[in-house]
Amino acid sequence: MCYLYIAQSKKNGRYYIGSSNDPTRRIVEHNAGKTKSLKYLVPLEIVLCQRYSTSTEARKMELKLKRWKNRSLIKRIIEDGEIKTTSAGL
C-alpha cells in the first residue's frame, strides 16, 4: 500500500506533492531538513493524503499532478478531499 500526499508550506503556502508508504514519516523527514530541495518550504503539513493499492499507481498520479503544476487544480482537489480522476479530467 502506498499514499499520494499533498503538503503545504506553513511558511509561504506553496504545495509539495509526493508519494510514500508512510507519509507522516516522510513529512517529518522533510521538516527535519533531510530533503535539501525543500528547505525553503519547511515547515510542511499534510493537507491531503490518498491511498493507492500499489506504489506504481501512487507514483503515476504524483507525476501527473507535478507535470501540470496547476495550483487551482491542487486547491480544488484539497477542497474535495480526494483526487477524483473522472471529474477532474485526470
Protein backbone atom coordinates (compact mmCIF):
# COMPACT_ATOMS: atom_id res chain seq x y z
CA MET A 1 0.00 0.00 0.00
CA CYS A 2 1.23 3.47 -0.89
CA TYR A 3 -0.02 7.01 -0.47
CA LEU A 4 -0.01 10.14 -2.56
CA TYR A 5 0.18 13.19 -0.33
CA ILE A 6 -0.07 16.91 -0.83
CA ALA A 7 1.74 19.01 1.73
CA GLN A 8 1.52 22.75 2.15
CA SER A 9 4.23 25.03 3.43
CA LYS A 10 3.27 26.92 6.56
CA LYS A 11 5.97 29.42 5.59
CA ASN A 12 4.79 30.51 2.14
CA GLY A 13 1.66 28.48 1.27
CA ARG A 14 3.26 26.56 -1.61
CA TYR A 15 2.33 22.95 -2.25
CA TYR A 16 4.50 19.87 -2.49
CA ILE A 17 3.26 16.60 -3.96
CA GLY A 18 4.86 13.31 -3.02
CA SER A 19 4.24 9.60 -2.56
CA SER A 20 5.36 7.28 0.20
CA ASN A 21 4.37 4.15 2.07
CA ASP A 22 4.45 6.31 5.25
CA PRO A 23 3.59 9.95 4.50
CA THR A 24 3.74 11.00 8.16
CA ARG A 25 7.34 9.78 8.45
CA ARG A 26 8.14 11.46 5.15
CA ILE A 27 6.85 14.86 6.31
CA VAL A 28 8.92 14.52 9.50
CA GLU A 29 11.97 13.86 7.30
CA HIS A 30 11.16 16.86 5.08
CA ASN A 31 10.72 19.12 8.11
CA ALA A 32 13.99 17.86 9.61
CA GLY A 33 15.85 19.05 6.51
CA LYS A 34 16.58 15.63 5.00
CA THR A 35 15.29 16.85 1.62
CA LYS A 36 17.54 19.76 0.70
CA SER A 37 15.40 20.91 -2.22
CA LEU A 38 12.51 21.58 0.19
CA LYS A 39 14.39 23.53 2.83
CA TYR A 40 12.77 26.79 1.71
CA LEU A 41 9.28 25.28 2.26
CA VAL A 42 9.57 23.95 5.81
CA PRO A 43 7.60 23.55 7.92
CA LEU A 44 5.25 21.44 5.84
CA GLU A 45 1.92 19.94 6.82
CA ILE A 46 -0.11 17.27 5.02
CA VAL A 47 -3.32 18.75 3.61
CA LEU A 48 -4.42 15.68 1.64
CA CYS A 49 -3.46 12.03 1.66
CA GLN A 50 -4.92 9.40 -0.68
CA ARG A 51 -4.25 5.68 -0.52
CA TYR A 52 -3.41 3.54 -3.56
CA SER A 53 -3.07 -0.21 -3.71
CA THR A 54 0.38 -0.07 -5.32
CA SER A 55 3.30 2.31 -5.28
CA THR A 56 3.16 2.39 -9.09
CA GLU A 57 -0.37 3.83 -9.03
CA ALA A 58 0.54 6.45 -6.43
CA ARG A 59 3.70 7.42 -8.30
CA LYS A 60 1.86 7.76 -11.62
CA MET A 61 -0.67 10.13 -10.07
CA GLU A 62 2.12 12.06 -8.33
CA LEU A 63 3.95 12.58 -11.62
CA LYS A 64 0.74 13.56 -13.41
CA LEU A 65 -0.07 16.24 -10.83
CA LYS A 66 3.52 17.51 -10.79
CA ARG A 67 3.60 17.83 -14.58
CA TRP A 68 0.53 20.04 -14.58
CA LYS A 69 1.85 22.47 -11.95
CA ASN A 70 -1.67 23.84 -11.61
CA ARG A 71 -2.28 25.49 -8.23
CA SER A 72 -6.03 25.92 -8.80
CA LEU A 73 -6.42 22.20 -9.58
CA ILE A 74 -4.49 21.29 -6.43
CA LYS A 75 -6.69 23.63 -4.37
CA ARG A 76 -9.82 22.01 -5.84
CA ILE A 77 -8.50 18.53 -5.04
CA ILE A 78 -7.82 19.58 -1.44
CA GLU A 79 -11.28 21.15 -1.11
CA ASP A 80 -12.90 17.97 -2.49
CA GLY A 81 -10.81 15.87 -0.10
CA GLU A 82 -9.80 13.40 -2.79
CA ILE A 83 -8.44 13.05 -6.29
CA LYS A 84 -11.41 12.32 -8.50
CA THR A 85 -9.87 11.02 -11.69
CA THR A 86 -13.08 11.16 -13.70
CA SER A 87 -14.44 14.58 -12.70
CA ALA A 88 -11.08 16.35 -12.58
CA GLY A 89 -10.15 15.21 -16.05
CA LEU A 90 -7.19 13.33 -14.68
